[in-house]
Amino acid sequence: MANRPSRSWNRSACTLSPLRATLRTLRAERSGHVLNIGSVGGFATAPAAGLYGASKCALEGVSEALHGEPAPLGVRVTIVEPGGFRTDFLSSLSMQVEPASIADYADGAGPVREALAKNDGHQPGDPVKAAKAIVDITEVAESPPRLQLGADAIERVEAKPDLVRSELDRWRHVALSTGL
């Protein structure tokens, strides 16, 4: 993350203008469904994925806040949080890894970068089944604010509350020491 933002960061972060334009139309129609395609990395990110994770965390926050805002108008909002799906996402055609990395971060980010490279073409999710699940969610009356896709996404989402609870238990005394 200490490297400068890349073009992929700019592509990931530039979603607000299209979202505003879409919402303007959906509000006028008094119906519709916004599907923001995020990532489980927006819920639980990892070393070497800081900028990507930050953009997905931002999309998650926007989606969570937005879920309730147009709901009275009949407009639904869901963020889709897929895990690993067998697409070209991890290939050199899609994933742009900064050529210069900071040696001091090799032990923290290096293993994640290596795992991502090795996982290309071996992701556990079927993109055709994911697409069907996404379409299907638009046809239910009460769609969820979040839709995790893939067993690996479920595993990461289920692990995070345990980590947060452990941190909270360990540092509760500091948090409580700040009250009046």
N, C-alpha and C. Protein backbone atom coordinates (compact mmCIF):
# COMPACT_ATOMS: atom_id res chain seq x y z
N MET A 1 0.81 -1.19 0.00
CA MET A 1 0.00 0.00 0.00
C MET A 1 0.86 1.26 0.00
N ALA A 2 2.07 1.14 0.45
CA ALA A 2 2.92 2.31 0.52
C ALA A 2 3.34 2.80 -0.87
N ASN A 3 3.19 1.96 -1.89
CA ASN A 3 3.48 2.40 -3.25
C ASN A 3 2.40 3.36 -3.72
N ARG A 4 2.70 4.10 -4.78
CA ARG A 4 1.72 5.07 -5.29
C ARG A 4 0.50 4.36 -5.87
N PRO A 5 -0.66 5.02 -5.84
CA PRO A 5 -1.87 4.41 -6.40
C PRO A 5 -1.70 4.12 -7.89
N SER A 6 -2.22 3.01 -8.32
CA SER A 6 -2.09 2.59 -9.70
C SER A 6 -3.36 2.87 -10.48
N ARG A 7 -3.30 2.58 -11.79
CA ARG A 7 -4.50 2.74 -12.61
C ARG A 7 -5.62 1.84 -12.12
N SER A 8 -5.28 0.64 -11.62
CA SER A 8 -6.33 -0.26 -11.13
C SER A 8 -7.04 0.35 -9.92
N TRP A 9 -6.31 1.09 -9.08
CA TRP A 9 -6.95 1.78 -7.96
C TRP A 9 -7.96 2.79 -8.50
N ASN A 10 -7.55 3.56 -9.49
CA ASN A 10 -8.44 4.57 -10.06
C ASN A 10 -9.69 3.92 -10.65
N ARG A 11 -9.54 2.78 -11.33
CA ARG A 11 -10.71 2.08 -11.88
C ARG A 11 -11.61 1.59 -10.76
N SER A 12 -11.02 1.08 -9.69
CA SER A 12 -11.82 0.53 -8.58
C SER A 12 -12.58 1.61 -7.83
N ALA A 13 -11.99 2.78 -7.71
CA ALA A 13 -12.56 3.81 -6.85
C ALA A 13 -13.57 4.72 -7.55
N CYS A 14 -13.64 4.67 -8.87
CA CYS A 14 -14.49 5.61 -9.61
C CYS A 14 -15.86 5.02 -9.90
N THR A 15 -16.68 4.88 -8.88
CA THR A 15 -18.01 4.30 -9.04
C THR A 15 -19.13 5.26 -8.66
N LEU A 16 -18.81 6.36 -8.02
CA LEU A 16 -19.88 7.22 -7.51
C LEU A 16 -20.66 7.94 -8.60
N SER A 17 -20.02 8.41 -9.64
CA SER A 17 -20.76 9.11 -10.70
C SER A 17 -21.76 8.20 -11.40
N PRO A 18 -21.37 6.99 -11.83
CA PRO A 18 -22.38 6.10 -12.43
C PRO A 18 -23.48 5.73 -11.44
N LEU A 19 -23.13 5.57 -10.17
CA LEU A 19 -24.13 5.23 -9.16
C LEU A 19 -25.15 6.37 -9.00
N ARG A 20 -24.67 7.60 -8.95
CA ARG A 20 -25.59 8.75 -8.86
C ARG A 20 -26.53 8.80 -10.06
N ALA A 21 -25.98 8.59 -11.25
CA ALA A 21 -26.81 8.63 -12.46
C ALA A 21 -27.85 7.52 -12.44
N THR A 22 -27.45 6.34 -12.02
CA THR A 22 -28.37 5.20 -11.94
C THR A 22 -29.48 5.48 -10.94
N LEU A 23 -29.10 5.98 -9.78
CA LEU A 23 -30.10 6.25 -8.74
C LEU A 23 -31.11 7.31 -9.17
N ARG A 24 -30.66 8.29 -9.93
CA ARG A 24 -31.58 9.32 -10.42
C ARG A 24 -32.70 8.66 -11.24
N THR A 25 -32.33 7.74 -12.11
CA THR A 25 -33.32 7.04 -12.94
C THR A 25 -34.20 6.13 -12.10
N LEU A 26 -33.60 5.37 -11.19
CA LEU A 26 -34.37 4.44 -10.37
C LEU A 26 -35.34 5.17 -9.45
N ARG A 27 -34.93 6.31 -8.93
CA ARG A 27 -35.85 7.11 -8.10
C ARG A 27 -37.05 7.57 -8.92
N ALA A 28 -36.80 8.00 -10.14
CA ALA A 28 -37.90 8.45 -11.00
C ALA A 28 -38.84 7.29 -11.34
N GLU A 29 -38.27 6.10 -11.51
CA GLU A 29 -39.07 4.91 -11.84
C GLU A 29 -39.77 4.33 -10.61
N ARG A 30 -39.26 4.68 -9.42
CA ARG A 30 -39.78 4.14 -8.16
C ARG A 30 -39.63 2.62 -8.09
N SER A 31 -38.59 2.11 -8.69
CA SER A 31 -38.29 0.68 -8.60
C SER A 31 -36.89 0.45 -9.15
N GLY A 32 -36.39 -0.74 -8.89
CA GLY A 32 -35.08 -1.13 -9.41
C GLY A 32 -34.21 -1.72 -8.33
N HIS A 33 -33.05 -2.15 -8.75
CA HIS A 33 -32.13 -2.82 -7.84
C HIS A 33 -30.71 -2.46 -8.23
N VAL A 34 -30.00 -1.82 -7.34
CA VAL A 34 -28.58 -1.53 -7.53
C VAL A 34 -27.80 -2.72 -7.02
N LEU A 35 -26.97 -3.27 -7.88
CA LEU A 35 -26.08 -4.37 -7.49
C LEU A 35 -24.65 -3.85 -7.59
N ASN A 36 -24.04 -3.59 -6.46
CA ASN A 36 -22.65 -3.17 -6.44
C ASN A 36 -21.80 -4.43 -6.31
N ILE A 37 -20.88 -4.60 -7.23
CA ILE A 37 -20.02 -5.78 -7.18
C ILE A 37 -18.76 -5.40 -6.41
N GLY A 38 -18.71 -5.89 -5.18
CA GLY A 38 -17.57 -5.63 -4.32
C GLY A 38 -16.67 -6.85 -4.29
N SER A 39 -16.30 -7.24 -3.11
CA SER A 39 -15.43 -8.39 -2.90
C SER A 39 -15.47 -8.72 -1.42
N VAL A 40 -15.25 -9.98 -1.10
CA VAL A 40 -15.10 -10.32 0.31
C VAL A 40 -13.90 -9.56 0.88
N GLY A 41 -12.99 -9.14 0.01
CA GLY A 41 -11.86 -8.33 0.43
C GLY A 41 -12.26 -6.96 0.95
N GLY A 42 -13.48 -6.55 0.70
CA GLY A 42 -13.99 -5.30 1.28
C GLY A 42 -14.46 -5.49 2.70
N PHE A 43 -14.74 -6.72 3.07
CA PHE A 43 -15.16 -7.05 4.44
C PHE A 43 -13.97 -7.47 5.28
N ALA A 44 -13.07 -8.22 4.69
CA ALA A 44 -11.88 -8.71 5.39
C ALA A 44 -10.73 -8.70 4.38
N THR A 45 -9.92 -7.66 4.42
CA THR A 45 -8.84 -7.54 3.45
C THR A 45 -7.57 -8.19 3.97
N ALA A 46 -6.50 -8.12 3.19
CA ALA A 46 -5.27 -8.85 3.52
C ALA A 46 -4.05 -8.01 3.14
N PRO A 47 -2.89 -8.35 3.70
CA PRO A 47 -1.66 -7.69 3.26
C PRO A 47 -1.50 -7.83 1.74
N ALA A 48 -0.90 -6.85 1.12
CA ALA A 48 -0.65 -6.80 -0.32
C ALA A 48 -1.90 -6.42 -1.10
N ALA A 49 -3.02 -6.27 -0.43
CA ALA A 49 -4.27 -5.93 -1.11
C ALA A 49 -4.86 -4.65 -0.54
N GLY A 50 -4.02 -3.79 0.00
CA GLY A 50 -4.50 -2.61 0.70
C GLY A 50 -5.33 -1.66 -0.14
N LEU A 51 -4.83 -1.26 -1.30
CA LEU A 51 -5.59 -0.32 -2.13
C LEU A 51 -6.85 -0.96 -2.68
N TYR A 52 -6.73 -2.20 -3.13
CA TYR A 52 -7.91 -2.93 -3.62
C TYR A 52 -8.93 -3.07 -2.48
N GLY A 53 -8.46 -3.51 -1.32
CA GLY A 53 -9.35 -3.67 -0.17
C GLY A 53 -9.98 -2.36 0.25
N ALA A 54 -9.21 -1.27 0.20
CA ALA A 54 -9.76 0.03 0.58
C ALA A 54 -10.88 0.45 -0.35
N SER A 55 -10.70 0.22 -1.65
CA SER A 55 -11.76 0.59 -2.59
C SER A 55 -13.00 -0.26 -2.36
N LYS A 56 -12.83 -1.53 -2.04
CA LYS A 56 -13.97 -2.41 -1.79
C LYS A 56 -14.62 -2.09 -0.44
N CYS A 57 -13.81 -1.70 0.56
CA CYS A 57 -14.38 -1.25 1.84
C CYS A 57 -15.23 0.00 1.63
N ALA A 58 -14.74 0.91 0.80
CA ALA A 58 -15.51 2.13 0.51
C ALA A 58 -16.82 1.78 -0.17
N LEU A 59 -16.78 0.87 -1.13
CA LEU A 59 -18.00 0.46 -1.82
C LEU A 59 -18.96 -0.22 -0.85
N GLU A 60 -18.41 -1.01 0.06
CA GLU A 60 -19.25 -1.65 1.08
C GLU A 60 -19.93 -0.60 1.95
N GLY A 61 -19.18 0.40 2.38
CA GLY A 61 -19.76 1.45 3.22
C GLY A 61 -20.84 2.24 2.50
N VAL A 62 -20.59 2.60 1.25
CA VAL A 62 -21.59 3.31 0.46
C VAL A 62 -22.83 2.45 0.29
N SER A 63 -22.63 1.18 -0.01
CA SER A 63 -23.77 0.27 -0.23
C SER A 63 -24.58 0.07 1.04
N GLU A 64 -23.88 -0.08 2.16
CA GLU A 64 -24.57 -0.28 3.44
C GLU A 64 -25.42 0.94 3.79
N ALA A 65 -24.84 2.12 3.64
CA ALA A 65 -25.59 3.34 3.93
C ALA A 65 -26.75 3.53 2.96
N LEU A 66 -26.48 3.23 1.71
CA LEU A 66 -27.48 3.44 0.67
C LEU A 66 -28.62 2.44 0.72
N HIS A 67 -28.38 1.28 1.29
CA HIS A 67 -29.40 0.22 1.32
C HIS A 67 -30.75 0.73 1.84
N GLY A 68 -30.73 1.54 2.88
CA GLY A 68 -31.98 2.01 3.47
C GLY A 68 -32.51 3.30 2.89
N GLU A 69 -31.67 4.07 2.21
CA GLU A 69 -32.10 5.39 1.75
C GLU A 69 -33.18 5.35 0.66
N PRO A 70 -33.00 4.63 -0.45
CA PRO A 70 -34.05 4.62 -1.47
C PRO A 70 -35.08 3.51 -1.28
N ALA A 71 -34.94 2.72 -0.22
CA ALA A 71 -35.87 1.60 0.01
C ALA A 71 -37.33 2.03 0.03
N PRO A 72 -37.68 3.16 0.70
CA PRO A 72 -39.09 3.57 0.69
C PRO A 72 -39.63 3.88 -0.71
N LEU A 73 -38.72 4.09 -1.66
CA LEU A 73 -39.13 4.38 -3.04
C LEU A 73 -39.23 3.11 -3.89
N GLY A 74 -38.94 1.97 -3.28
CA GLY A 74 -38.97 0.72 -4.04
C GLY A 74 -37.66 0.37 -4.71
N VAL A 75 -36.59 1.07 -4.34
CA VAL A 75 -35.28 0.81 -4.93
C VAL A 75 -34.44 0.04 -3.92
N ARG A 76 -33.94 -1.11 -4.35
CA ARG A 76 -33.15 -1.96 -3.46
C ARG A 76 -31.66 -1.83 -3.79
N VAL A 77 -30.82 -2.05 -2.79
CA VAL A 77 -29.37 -1.98 -2.97
C VAL A 77 -28.76 -3.21 -2.31
N THR A 78 -27.93 -3.91 -3.07
CA THR A 78 -27.21 -5.08 -2.56
C THR A 78 -25.76 -4.97 -2.98
N ILE A 79 -24.86 -5.23 -2.05
CA ILE A 79 -23.45 -5.37 -2.43
C ILE A 79 -23.16 -6.86 -2.52
N VAL A 80 -22.60 -7.27 -3.64
CA VAL A 80 -22.22 -8.66 -3.86
C VAL A 80 -20.75 -8.77 -3.47
N GLU A 81 -20.46 -9.74 -2.59
CA GLU A 81 -19.10 -9.91 -2.06
C GLU A 81 -18.59 -11.30 -2.42
N PRO A 82 -18.11 -11.45 -3.66
CA PRO A 82 -17.62 -12.77 -4.06
C PRO A 82 -16.25 -13.07 -3.46
N GLY A 83 -16.02 -14.35 -3.29
CA GLY A 83 -14.68 -14.83 -2.97
C GLY A 83 -13.95 -15.06 -4.28
N GLY A 84 -13.15 -16.11 -4.34
CA GLY A 84 -12.38 -16.40 -5.54
C GLY A 84 -13.20 -17.17 -6.57
N PHE A 85 -13.29 -16.62 -7.76
CA PHE A 85 -13.99 -17.27 -8.86
C PHE A 85 -13.04 -17.45 -10.03
N ARG A 86 -13.21 -18.53 -10.75
CA ARG A 86 -12.29 -18.89 -11.82
C ARG A 86 -12.52 -18.00 -13.04
N THR A 87 -11.97 -16.80 -12.94
CA THR A 87 -11.99 -15.82 -14.03
C THR A 87 -10.54 -15.42 -14.29
N ASP A 88 -10.34 -14.43 -15.14
CA ASP A 88 -8.97 -13.96 -15.38
C ASP A 88 -8.54 -12.88 -14.38
N PHE A 89 -9.30 -12.71 -13.30
CA PHE A 89 -9.02 -11.67 -12.31
C PHE A 89 -7.58 -11.71 -11.80
N LEU A 90 -7.05 -12.90 -11.54
CA LEU A 90 -5.69 -13.01 -11.00
C LEU A 90 -4.62 -13.11 -12.08
N SER A 91 -5.03 -13.12 -13.34
CA SER A 91 -4.06 -13.25 -14.43
C SER A 91 -3.33 -11.93 -14.65
N SER A 92 -2.24 -12.00 -15.37
CA SER A 92 -1.48 -10.79 -15.67
C SER A 92 -2.27 -9.86 -16.59
N LEU A 93 -3.31 -10.38 -17.26
CA LEU A 93 -4.17 -9.53 -18.09
C LEU A 93 -5.00 -8.58 -17.25
N SER A 94 -5.32 -9.00 -16.03
CA SER A 94 -6.20 -8.22 -15.17
C SER A 94 -5.47 -7.60 -13.99
N MET A 95 -4.77 -8.43 -13.24
CA MET A 95 -4.12 -7.95 -12.02
C MET A 95 -2.83 -7.24 -12.36
N GLN A 96 -2.76 -5.99 -11.94
CA GLN A 96 -1.56 -5.19 -12.16
C GLN A 96 -0.81 -5.08 -10.84
N VAL A 97 0.30 -5.76 -10.74
CA VAL A 97 1.12 -5.70 -9.54
C VAL A 97 2.21 -4.67 -9.79
N GLU A 98 2.36 -3.77 -8.85
CA GLU A 98 3.37 -2.73 -8.98
C GLU A 98 4.75 -3.40 -9.09
N PRO A 99 5.54 -3.01 -10.10
CA PRO A 99 6.84 -3.66 -10.29
C PRO A 99 7.81 -3.41 -9.15
N ALA A 100 7.75 -2.23 -8.56
CA ALA A 100 8.65 -1.92 -7.45
C ALA A 100 7.91 -2.18 -6.15
N SER A 101 8.50 -3.02 -5.33
CA SER A 101 7.90 -3.24 -4.02
C SER A 101 8.92 -2.84 -2.95
N ILE A 102 8.44 -2.62 -1.78
CA ILE A 102 9.30 -2.18 -0.69
C ILE A 102 9.80 -3.41 0.06
N ALA A 103 11.10 -3.57 0.09
CA ALA A 103 11.71 -4.77 0.67
C ALA A 103 11.27 -5.00 2.12
N ASP A 104 11.08 -3.94 2.87
CA ASP A 104 10.68 -4.08 4.27
C ASP A 104 9.33 -4.78 4.43
N TYR A 105 8.50 -4.78 3.38
CA TYR A 105 7.18 -5.40 3.45
C TYR A 105 7.16 -6.82 2.91
N ALA A 106 8.29 -7.34 2.50
CA ALA A 106 8.33 -8.65 1.85
C ALA A 106 7.76 -9.76 2.72
N ASP A 107 8.04 -9.75 4.02
CA ASP A 107 7.54 -10.82 4.89
C ASP A 107 6.04 -10.72 5.12
N GLY A 108 5.47 -9.53 5.08
CA GLY A 108 4.04 -9.36 5.30
C GLY A 108 3.22 -9.52 4.04
N ALA A 109 3.65 -8.86 2.96
CA ALA A 109 2.88 -8.88 1.71
C ALA A 109 3.33 -9.98 0.76
N GLY A 110 4.58 -10.37 0.85
CA GLY A 110 5.13 -11.36 -0.09
C GLY A 110 4.36 -12.66 -0.16
N PRO A 111 4.07 -13.31 0.98
CA PRO A 111 3.34 -14.57 0.91
C PRO A 111 1.95 -14.44 0.28
N VAL A 112 1.29 -13.31 0.49
CA VAL A 112 -0.03 -13.10 -0.11
C VAL A 112 0.11 -12.94 -1.62
N ARG A 113 1.09 -12.15 -2.06
CA ARG A 113 1.32 -11.99 -3.50
C ARG A 113 1.62 -13.34 -4.16
N GLU A 114 2.45 -14.14 -3.51
CA GLU A 114 2.78 -15.46 -4.07
C GLU A 114 1.55 -16.36 -4.14
N ALA A 115 0.73 -16.34 -3.09
CA ALA A 115 -0.48 -17.17 -3.08
C ALA A 115 -1.45 -16.74 -4.17
N LEU A 116 -1.59 -15.44 -4.38
CA LEU A 116 -2.47 -14.96 -5.44
C LEU A 116 -1.99 -15.44 -6.80
N ALA A 117 -0.69 -15.34 -7.04
CA ALA A 117 -0.15 -15.78 -8.33
C ALA A 117 -0.37 -17.28 -8.53
N LYS A 118 -0.17 -18.07 -7.49
CA LYS A 118 -0.35 -19.53 -7.59
C LYS A 118 -1.82 -19.91 -7.74
N ASN A 119 -2.72 -19.08 -7.24
CA ASN A 119 -4.15 -19.40 -7.26
C ASN A 119 -4.79 -19.11 -8.61
N ASP A 120 -4.11 -18.37 -9.49
CA ASP A 120 -4.68 -18.04 -10.80
C ASP A 120 -5.04 -19.32 -11.55
N GLY A 121 -6.30 -19.43 -11.92
CA GLY A 121 -6.78 -20.61 -12.62
C GLY A 121 -7.23 -21.73 -11.70
N HIS A 122 -7.07 -21.54 -10.40
CA HIS A 122 -7.44 -22.57 -9.42
C HIS A 122 -8.47 -22.06 -8.41
N GLN A 123 -9.07 -20.91 -8.69
CA GLN A 123 -10.06 -20.36 -7.77
C GLN A 123 -11.23 -21.34 -7.65
N PRO A 124 -11.83 -21.44 -6.47
CA PRO A 124 -12.86 -22.47 -6.24
C PRO A 124 -14.25 -22.15 -6.79
N GLY A 125 -14.52 -20.90 -7.13
CA GLY A 125 -15.87 -20.53 -7.53
C GLY A 125 -16.14 -20.65 -9.02
N ASP A 126 -17.37 -21.00 -9.35
CA ASP A 126 -17.83 -21.11 -10.74
C ASP A 126 -18.52 -19.80 -11.12
N PRO A 127 -17.95 -19.02 -12.05
CA PRO A 127 -18.53 -17.72 -12.38
C PRO A 127 -19.93 -17.81 -12.99
N VAL A 128 -20.25 -18.89 -13.67
CA VAL A 128 -21.59 -19.05 -14.24
C VAL A 128 -22.61 -19.19 -13.12
N LYS A 129 -22.28 -19.97 -12.10
CA LYS A 129 -23.18 -20.13 -10.95
C LYS A 129 -23.30 -18.82 -10.17
N ALA A 130 -22.20 -18.06 -10.09
CA ALA A 130 -22.25 -16.76 -9.41
C ALA A 130 -23.19 -15.81 -10.15
N ALA A 131 -23.08 -15.78 -11.47
CA ALA A 131 -23.94 -14.91 -12.26
C ALA A 131 -25.41 -15.27 -12.06
N LYS A 132 -25.71 -16.56 -12.02
CA LYS A 132 -27.09 -17.00 -11.80
C LYS A 132 -27.58 -16.56 -10.42
N ALA A 133 -26.73 -16.71 -9.41
CA ALA A 133 -27.12 -16.30 -8.05
C ALA A 133 -27.39 -14.80 -7.99
N ILE A 134 -26.59 -14.02 -8.70
CA ILE A 134 -26.78 -12.57 -8.71
C ILE A 134 -28.10 -12.21 -9.39
N VAL A 135 -28.38 -12.83 -10.52
CA VAL A 135 -29.66 -12.58 -11.20
C VAL A 135 -30.82 -13.02 -10.32
N ASP A 136 -30.69 -14.19 -9.71
CA ASP A 136 -31.77 -14.71 -8.86
C ASP A 136 -32.09 -13.78 -7.70
N ILE A 137 -31.09 -13.12 -7.14
CA ILE A 137 -31.31 -12.25 -5.98
C ILE A 137 -32.15 -11.03 -6.37
N THR A 138 -32.12 -10.67 -7.64
CA THR A 138 -32.93 -9.52 -8.07
C THR A 138 -34.41 -9.87 -8.16
N GLU A 139 -34.72 -11.15 -8.13
CA GLU A 139 -36.11 -11.59 -8.30
C GLU A 139 -36.81 -11.92 -6.99
N VAL A 140 -36.13 -11.75 -5.86
CA VAL A 140 -36.78 -12.01 -4.57
C VAL A 140 -37.32 -10.69 -4.02
N ALA A 141 -38.37 -10.78 -3.24
CA ALA A 141 -39.03 -9.57 -2.73
C ALA A 141 -38.13 -8.79 -1.77
N GLU A 142 -37.45 -9.48 -0.88
CA GLU A 142 -36.60 -8.81 0.10
C GLU A 142 -35.16 -9.26 -0.10
N SER A 143 -34.44 -8.55 -0.93
CA SER A 143 -33.06 -8.91 -1.20
C SER A 143 -32.17 -8.48 -0.04
N PRO A 144 -31.07 -9.19 0.17
CA PRO A 144 -30.19 -8.85 1.29
C PRO A 144 -29.34 -7.61 0.99
N PRO A 145 -28.92 -6.91 2.03
CA PRO A 145 -28.00 -5.80 1.80
C PRO A 145 -26.62 -6.30 1.34
N ARG A 146 -26.27 -7.53 1.73
CA ARG A 146 -25.00 -8.15 1.33
C ARG A 146 -25.28 -9.55 0.81
N LEU A 147 -24.55 -9.93 -0.23
CA LEU A 147 -24.63 -11.29 -0.74
C LEU A 147 -23.22 -11.82 -0.92
N GLN A 148 -22.79 -12.68 -0.02
CA GLN A 148 -21.49 -13.31 -0.16
C GLN A 148 -21.65 -14.50 -1.10
N LEU A 149 -20.66 -14.70 -1.96
CA LEU A 149 -20.69 -15.82 -2.90
C LEU A 149 -19.41 -16.63 -2.77
N GLY A 150 -19.57 -17.93 -2.58
CA GLY A 150 -18.44 -18.84 -2.50
C GLY A 150 -18.13 -19.25 -1.08
N ALA A 151 -17.70 -20.50 -0.94
CA ALA A 151 -17.36 -21.03 0.38
C ALA A 151 -16.22 -20.25 1.02
N ASP A 152 -15.26 -19.79 0.21
CA ASP A 152 -14.14 -19.03 0.76
C ASP A 152 -14.61 -17.67 1.28
N ALA A 153 -15.59 -17.07 0.63
CA ALA A 153 -16.15 -15.80 1.13
C ALA A 153 -16.82 -16.02 2.47
N ILE A 154 -17.60 -17.08 2.58
CA ILE A 154 -18.27 -17.39 3.85
C ILE A 154 -17.24 -17.59 4.95
N GLU A 155 -16.18 -18.33 4.65
CA GLU A 155 -15.13 -18.59 5.64
C GLU A 155 -14.50 -17.30 6.14
N ARG A 156 -14.19 -16.37 5.24
CA ARG A 156 -13.57 -15.11 5.65
C ARG A 156 -14.53 -14.24 6.45
N VAL A 157 -15.79 -14.22 6.04
CA VAL A 157 -16.78 -13.41 6.76
C VAL A 157 -17.01 -13.97 8.15
N GLU A 158 -17.08 -15.29 8.27
CA GLU A 158 -17.30 -15.90 9.59
C GLU A 158 -16.09 -15.74 10.51
N ALA A 159 -14.89 -15.65 9.96
CA ALA A 159 -13.69 -15.52 10.79
C ALA A 159 -13.52 -14.10 11.35
N LYS A 160 -13.97 -13.10 10.65
CA LYS A 160 -13.70 -11.73 11.07
C LYS A 160 -14.33 -11.36 12.41
N PRO A 161 -15.59 -11.69 12.69
CA PRO A 161 -16.14 -11.32 14.00
C PRO A 161 -15.35 -11.90 15.17
N ASP A 162 -14.80 -13.09 15.00
CA ASP A 162 -13.98 -13.68 16.06
C ASP A 162 -12.72 -12.84 16.30
N LEU A 163 -12.10 -12.40 15.21
CA LEU A 163 -10.91 -11.56 15.33
C LEU A 163 -11.25 -10.23 16.00
N VAL A 164 -12.33 -9.61 15.56
CA VAL A 164 -12.74 -8.32 16.14
C VAL A 164 -13.10 -8.48 17.61
N ARG A 165 -13.80 -9.55 17.96
CA ARG A 165 -14.17 -9.81 19.36
C ARG A 165 -12.91 -9.98 20.20
N SER A 166 -11.94 -10.70 19.71
CA SER A 166 -10.68 -10.91 20.43
C SER A 166 -9.96 -9.58 20.67
N GLU A 167 -9.90 -8.75 19.63
CA GLU A 167 -9.27 -7.43 19.78
C GLU A 167 -10.03 -6.57 20.78
N LEU A 168 -11.35 -6.61 20.69
CA LEU A 168 -12.17 -5.83 21.60
C LEU A 168 -11.96 -6.27 23.04
N ASP A 169 -11.96 -7.56 23.27
CA ASP A 169 -11.75 -8.08 24.62
C ASP A 169 -10.38 -7.65 25.16
N ARG A 170 -9.37 -7.70 24.30
CA ARG A 170 -8.02 -7.35 24.74
C ARG A 170 -7.88 -5.86 25.03
N TRP A 171 -8.55 -5.01 24.28
CA TRP A 171 -8.35 -3.57 24.39
C TRP A 171 -9.57 -2.82 24.93
N ARG A 172 -10.53 -3.55 25.46
CA ARG A 172 -11.74 -2.94 26.02
C ARG A 172 -11.40 -1.88 27.07
N HIS A 173 -10.43 -2.17 27.93
CA HIS A 173 -10.08 -1.23 28.99
C HIS A 173 -9.62 0.12 28.43
N VAL A 174 -8.94 0.10 27.29
CA VAL A 174 -8.51 1.35 26.67
C VAL A 174 -9.72 2.10 26.12
N ALA A 175 -10.60 1.37 25.44
CA ALA A 175 -11.80 2.00 24.87
C ALA A 175 -12.65 2.62 25.98
N LEU A 176 -12.83 1.90 27.07
CA LEU A 176 -13.67 2.39 28.16
C LEU A 176 -13.01 3.52 28.95
N SER A 177 -11.70 3.63 28.87
CA SER A 177 -11.00 4.68 29.61
C SER A 177 -11.21 6.07 29.01
N THR A 178 -11.86 6.14 27.87
CA THR A 178 -12.01 7.43 27.19
C THR A 178 -13.32 8.15 27.51
N GLY A 179 -14.16 7.53 28.33
CA GLY A 179 -15.45 8.15 28.67
C GLY A 179 -15.31 9.28 29.68
N LEU A 180 -16.34 10.11 29.76
CA LEU A 180 -16.35 11.21 30.74
C LEU A 180 -16.76 10.71 32.11
